[in-house]
Amino acid sequence: MKVIAKHKNEEQGYIEYHLVQVGSWDLFGDLVSFFEQYYDALVHVKTDGIHTRKWQIRCRDEYFMFEHNEDVGNWFYSCSDEGDSPLMHEISEELERRLSEPTESE
């Protein structure tokens, strides 16, 4: 099953990487820890609401946004002028690989 769904935000012009079935509020922190551990990412700005989170994360001289919305789930996107980057591709491919692996119970 696909873990990452790419979607172009036509209004803003960037590519969003949505984490399919990994969209809970509780998993948001686990995913931030993944970014920190495997990509030496640093959380730069945190904005938390009642049902939303929007965090700006710095990694390899690039900023990207990681967001949660109770109705949408978790997703991330590049803050670059191009609206996408090799880093976003790398992270999405790594998450796809890790989250698609069968667990011991399967």
N, C-alpha and C. Protein backbone atom coordinates (compact mmCIF):
# COMPACT_ATOMS: atom_id res chain seq x y z
N MET A 1 0.84 -1.18 0.00
CA MET A 1 0.00 0.00 0.00
C MET A 1 0.89 1.25 0.00
N LYS A 2 0.47 2.22 -0.75
CA LYS A 2 1.20 3.48 -0.85
C LYS A 2 1.11 4.24 0.48
N VAL A 3 2.25 4.76 0.92
CA VAL A 3 2.32 5.49 2.19
C VAL A 3 2.33 7.00 1.96
N ILE A 4 2.95 7.43 0.85
CA ILE A 4 3.06 8.86 0.53
C ILE A 4 2.24 9.14 -0.72
N ALA A 5 1.39 10.15 -0.64
CA ALA A 5 0.63 10.60 -1.80
C ALA A 5 1.06 12.03 -2.11
N LYS A 6 1.58 12.24 -3.32
CA LYS A 6 2.00 13.58 -3.74
C LYS A 6 0.80 14.31 -4.32
N HIS A 7 0.73 15.59 -3.99
CA HIS A 7 -0.37 16.42 -4.46
C HIS A 7 0.15 17.82 -4.71
N LYS A 8 -0.16 18.38 -5.87
CA LYS A 8 0.25 19.76 -6.14
C LYS A 8 -0.81 20.71 -5.61
N ASN A 9 -0.39 21.61 -4.74
CA ASN A 9 -1.26 22.65 -4.22
C ASN A 9 -1.30 23.73 -5.29
N GLU A 10 -2.35 23.74 -6.08
CA GLU A 10 -2.46 24.66 -7.22
C GLU A 10 -2.46 26.12 -6.79
N GLU A 11 -3.07 26.40 -5.65
CA GLU A 11 -3.17 27.77 -5.17
C GLU A 11 -1.80 28.33 -4.77
N GLN A 12 -1.01 27.52 -4.07
CA GLN A 12 0.30 27.98 -3.58
C GLN A 12 1.46 27.57 -4.48
N GLY A 13 1.26 26.57 -5.32
CA GLY A 13 2.28 26.18 -6.28
C GLY A 13 3.33 25.21 -5.78
N TYR A 14 3.14 24.59 -4.62
CA TYR A 14 4.13 23.64 -4.12
C TYR A 14 3.56 22.23 -4.11
N ILE A 15 4.47 21.26 -4.01
CA ILE A 15 4.09 19.85 -3.95
C ILE A 15 3.95 19.45 -2.49
N GLU A 16 2.81 18.90 -2.14
CA GLU A 16 2.57 18.39 -0.79
C GLU A 16 2.78 16.88 -0.79
N TYR A 17 3.40 16.40 0.27
CA TYR A 17 3.61 14.97 0.47
C TYR A 17 2.74 14.55 1.65
N HIS A 18 1.62 13.89 1.35
CA HIS A 18 0.68 13.47 2.38
C HIS A 18 1.01 12.05 2.83
N LEU A 19 1.02 11.86 4.14
CA LEU A 19 1.30 10.55 4.73
C LEU A 19 -0.02 9.81 4.90
N VAL A 20 -0.28 8.89 3.99
CA VAL A 20 -1.52 8.13 3.97
C VAL A 20 -1.53 7.15 5.14
N GLN A 21 -2.58 7.14 5.89
CA GLN A 21 -2.78 6.28 7.05
C GLN A 21 -1.71 6.46 8.13
N VAL A 22 -0.99 7.57 8.09
CA VAL A 22 -0.04 7.94 9.14
C VAL A 22 -0.37 9.39 9.49
N GLY A 23 -1.66 9.64 9.67
CA GLY A 23 -2.11 11.02 9.79
C GLY A 23 -2.56 11.46 11.15
N SER A 24 -2.32 10.66 12.18
CA SER A 24 -2.84 11.04 13.49
C SER A 24 -1.98 12.11 14.16
N TRP A 25 -2.62 12.83 15.07
CA TRP A 25 -1.94 13.85 15.87
C TRP A 25 -0.79 13.21 16.64
N ASP A 26 -1.02 12.03 17.20
CA ASP A 26 0.00 11.35 18.00
C ASP A 26 1.25 11.01 17.19
N LEU A 27 1.08 10.67 15.93
CA LEU A 27 2.23 10.31 15.10
C LEU A 27 3.03 11.52 14.63
N PHE A 28 2.47 12.70 14.74
CA PHE A 28 3.16 13.92 14.32
C PHE A 28 4.51 14.01 15.04
N GLY A 29 4.51 13.86 16.35
CA GLY A 29 5.74 13.94 17.14
C GLY A 29 6.74 12.86 16.77
N ASP A 30 6.24 11.65 16.49
CA ASP A 30 7.13 10.55 16.07
C ASP A 30 7.81 10.89 14.74
N LEU A 31 7.05 11.49 13.84
CA LEU A 31 7.63 11.85 12.55
C LEU A 31 8.64 12.98 12.69
N VAL A 32 8.38 13.94 13.57
CA VAL A 32 9.37 15.00 13.83
C VAL A 32 10.64 14.37 14.38
N SER A 33 10.51 13.41 15.28
CA SER A 33 11.69 12.71 15.83
C SER A 33 12.45 12.00 14.72
N PHE A 34 11.74 11.42 13.77
CA PHE A 34 12.38 10.78 12.62
C PHE A 34 13.21 11.81 11.83
N PHE A 35 12.62 12.97 11.56
CA PHE A 35 13.34 14.03 10.84
C PHE A 35 14.60 14.42 11.62
N GLU A 36 14.47 14.57 12.93
CA GLU A 36 15.60 14.99 13.76
C GLU A 36 16.69 13.93 13.79
N GLN A 37 16.30 12.68 13.95
CA GLN A 37 17.27 11.59 14.09
C GLN A 37 17.98 11.25 12.79
N TYR A 38 17.24 11.18 11.69
CA TYR A 38 17.84 10.71 10.44
C TYR A 38 18.27 11.81 9.49
N TYR A 39 17.80 13.02 9.72
CA TYR A 39 18.13 14.13 8.81
C TYR A 39 18.72 15.32 9.55
N ASP A 40 19.05 15.16 10.82
CA ASP A 40 19.60 16.25 11.63
C ASP A 40 18.76 17.52 11.52
N ALA A 41 17.46 17.33 11.44
CA ALA A 41 16.55 18.47 11.31
C ALA A 41 16.37 19.17 12.65
N LEU A 42 16.09 20.46 12.57
CA LEU A 42 15.80 21.26 13.74
C LEU A 42 14.46 21.96 13.55
N VAL A 43 13.61 21.89 14.55
CA VAL A 43 12.34 22.61 14.48
C VAL A 43 12.64 24.07 14.70
N HIS A 44 12.24 24.89 13.74
CA HIS A 44 12.54 26.32 13.77
C HIS A 44 11.37 27.12 14.36
N VAL A 45 10.15 26.84 13.90
CA VAL A 45 8.96 27.55 14.37
C VAL A 45 7.84 26.53 14.59
N LYS A 46 7.15 26.64 15.74
CA LYS A 46 6.02 25.77 16.05
C LYS A 46 4.76 26.62 16.18
N THR A 47 3.73 26.23 15.46
CA THR A 47 2.42 26.85 15.59
C THR A 47 1.41 25.73 15.81
N ASP A 48 0.85 25.67 17.01
CA ASP A 48 -0.11 24.63 17.35
C ASP A 48 -1.47 25.26 17.64
N GLY A 49 -2.49 24.65 17.05
CA GLY A 49 -3.86 25.07 17.32
C GLY A 49 -4.62 23.94 17.98
N ILE A 50 -5.92 24.07 18.05
CA ILE A 50 -6.75 23.06 18.69
C ILE A 50 -6.69 21.75 17.92
N HIS A 51 -6.85 21.81 16.60
CA HIS A 51 -6.87 20.60 15.77
C HIS A 51 -5.82 20.66 14.66
N THR A 52 -4.89 21.59 14.77
CA THR A 52 -3.89 21.77 13.71
C THR A 52 -2.50 21.99 14.30
N ARG A 53 -1.52 21.65 13.51
CA ARG A 53 -0.12 21.95 13.83
C ARG A 53 0.54 22.38 12.53
N LYS A 54 1.44 23.35 12.64
CA LYS A 54 2.19 23.82 11.48
C LYS A 54 3.58 24.17 11.98
N TRP A 55 4.54 23.31 11.67
CA TRP A 55 5.90 23.49 12.14
C TRP A 55 6.84 23.71 10.97
N GLN A 56 7.70 24.71 11.10
CA GLN A 56 8.74 24.94 10.11
C GLN A 56 10.01 24.25 10.60
N ILE A 57 10.57 23.43 9.74
CA ILE A 57 11.73 22.61 10.09
C ILE A 57 12.88 22.95 9.16
N ARG A 58 14.08 23.05 9.73
CA ARG A 58 15.29 23.33 8.94
C ARG A 58 16.11 22.06 8.84
N CYS A 59 16.53 21.78 7.61
CA CYS A 59 17.32 20.59 7.34
C CYS A 59 18.19 20.84 6.12
N ARG A 60 19.50 20.63 6.26
CA ARG A 60 20.44 20.80 5.13
C ARG A 60 20.26 22.15 4.43
N ASP A 61 20.28 23.20 5.15
CA ASP A 61 20.16 24.55 4.58
C ASP A 61 18.85 24.78 3.84
N GLU A 62 17.84 24.03 4.18
CA GLU A 62 16.53 24.17 3.56
C GLU A 62 15.46 24.17 4.65
N TYR A 63 14.43 24.95 4.44
CA TYR A 63 13.29 24.92 5.33
C TYR A 63 12.16 24.15 4.65
N PHE A 64 11.43 23.39 5.47
CA PHE A 64 10.21 22.79 4.97
C PHE A 64 9.15 22.84 6.06
N MET A 65 7.91 22.74 5.64
CA MET A 65 6.79 22.78 6.57
C MET A 65 6.28 21.37 6.79
N PHE A 66 5.94 21.08 8.03
CA PHE A 66 5.29 19.83 8.39
C PHE A 66 4.01 20.21 9.10
N GLU A 67 2.88 19.73 8.58
CA GLU A 67 1.59 20.16 9.09
C GLU A 67 0.70 18.99 9.46
N HIS A 68 -0.21 19.27 10.37
CA HIS A 68 -1.26 18.33 10.72
C HIS A 68 -2.57 19.08 10.76
N ASN A 69 -3.60 18.47 10.20
CA ASN A 69 -4.97 18.96 10.31
C ASN A 69 -5.82 17.74 10.63
N GLU A 70 -6.66 17.85 11.62
CA GLU A 70 -7.47 16.71 12.05
C GLU A 70 -8.26 16.10 10.90
N ASP A 71 -8.71 16.90 9.94
CA ASP A 71 -9.51 16.40 8.82
C ASP A 71 -8.66 15.89 7.66
N VAL A 72 -7.39 16.28 7.60
CA VAL A 72 -6.54 15.94 6.45
C VAL A 72 -5.46 14.94 6.82
N GLY A 73 -4.87 15.07 8.01
CA GLY A 73 -3.77 14.20 8.43
C GLY A 73 -2.48 14.97 8.48
N ASN A 74 -1.36 14.26 8.21
CA ASN A 74 -0.02 14.85 8.25
C ASN A 74 0.54 14.97 6.83
N TRP A 75 1.21 16.09 6.57
CA TRP A 75 1.86 16.28 5.28
C TRP A 75 3.01 17.26 5.43
N PHE A 76 3.91 17.24 4.44
CA PHE A 76 5.04 18.16 4.45
C PHE A 76 5.27 18.70 3.05
N TYR A 77 5.97 19.83 2.98
CA TYR A 77 6.28 20.45 1.69
C TYR A 77 7.45 21.40 1.86
N SER A 78 8.15 21.63 0.77
CA SER A 78 9.32 22.49 0.75
C SER A 78 8.92 23.96 0.77
N CYS A 79 9.75 24.76 1.44
CA CYS A 79 9.55 26.22 1.42
C CYS A 79 10.35 26.87 0.28
N SER A 80 11.00 26.06 -0.54
CA SER A 80 11.82 26.60 -1.63
C SER A 80 10.95 27.30 -2.66
N ASP A 81 11.56 28.21 -3.39
CA ASP A 81 10.84 28.94 -4.44
C ASP A 81 10.29 27.99 -5.51
N GLU A 82 10.98 26.87 -5.71
CA GLU A 82 10.56 25.90 -6.72
C GLU A 82 9.33 25.11 -6.28
N GLY A 83 9.05 25.09 -4.97
CA GLY A 83 7.90 24.36 -4.46
C GLY A 83 8.12 22.88 -4.24
N ASP A 84 9.35 22.43 -4.48
CA ASP A 84 9.72 21.04 -4.28
C ASP A 84 11.24 20.99 -4.23
N SER A 85 11.79 19.87 -3.78
CA SER A 85 13.25 19.78 -3.72
C SER A 85 13.68 18.33 -3.66
N PRO A 86 14.96 18.07 -3.95
CA PRO A 86 15.49 16.71 -3.81
C PRO A 86 15.35 16.19 -2.38
N LEU A 87 15.46 17.06 -1.38
CA LEU A 87 15.31 16.64 0.01
C LEU A 87 13.91 16.09 0.26
N MET A 88 12.89 16.75 -0.27
CA MET A 88 11.52 16.27 -0.08
C MET A 88 11.34 14.90 -0.72
N HIS A 89 11.94 14.70 -1.90
CA HIS A 89 11.89 13.39 -2.57
C HIS A 89 12.59 12.34 -1.72
N GLU A 90 13.75 12.69 -1.20
CA GLU A 90 14.53 11.75 -0.38
C GLU A 90 13.76 11.34 0.87
N ILE A 91 13.20 12.32 1.57
CA ILE A 91 12.43 12.01 2.77
C ILE A 91 11.21 11.17 2.44
N SER A 92 10.50 11.51 1.38
CA SER A 92 9.29 10.75 1.04
C SER A 92 9.65 9.31 0.66
N GLU A 93 10.74 9.12 -0.07
CA GLU A 93 11.16 7.77 -0.45
C GLU A 93 11.57 6.96 0.77
N GLU A 94 12.26 7.60 1.71
CA GLU A 94 12.69 6.90 2.93
C GLU A 94 11.49 6.54 3.80
N LEU A 95 10.55 7.46 3.96
CA LEU A 95 9.34 7.15 4.72
C LEU A 95 8.54 6.05 4.04
N GLU A 96 8.44 6.11 2.73
CA GLU A 96 7.73 5.08 1.97
C GLU A 96 8.36 3.72 2.23
N ARG A 97 9.68 3.67 2.18
CA ARG A 97 10.39 2.41 2.39
C ARG A 97 10.17 1.90 3.81
N ARG A 98 10.37 2.76 4.79
CA ARG A 98 10.27 2.34 6.19
C ARG A 98 8.85 1.96 6.59
N LEU A 99 7.88 2.74 6.16
CA LEU A 99 6.51 2.50 6.58
C LEU A 99 5.81 1.42 5.77
N SER A 100 6.40 1.01 4.66
CA SER A 100 5.84 -0.06 3.85
C SER A 100 6.38 -1.43 4.26
N GLU A 101 7.47 -1.43 5.05
CA GLU A 101 8.05 -2.70 5.47
C GLU A 101 7.07 -3.45 6.35
N PRO A 102 6.96 -4.76 6.14
CA PRO A 102 6.07 -5.55 7.01
C PRO A 102 6.60 -5.56 8.44
N THR A 103 5.69 -5.55 9.38
CA THR A 103 6.07 -5.63 10.79
C THR A 103 6.19 -7.10 11.18
N GLU A 104 6.72 -7.37 12.36
CA GLU A 104 6.90 -8.74 12.82
C GLU A 104 5.59 -9.49 12.92
N SER A 105 4.49 -8.79 13.18
CA SER A 105 3.20 -9.45 13.34
C SER A 105 2.55 -9.80 12.01
N GLU A 106 3.10 -9.31 10.90
CA GLU A 106 2.51 -9.59 9.58
C GLU A 106 3.10 -10.84 8.99
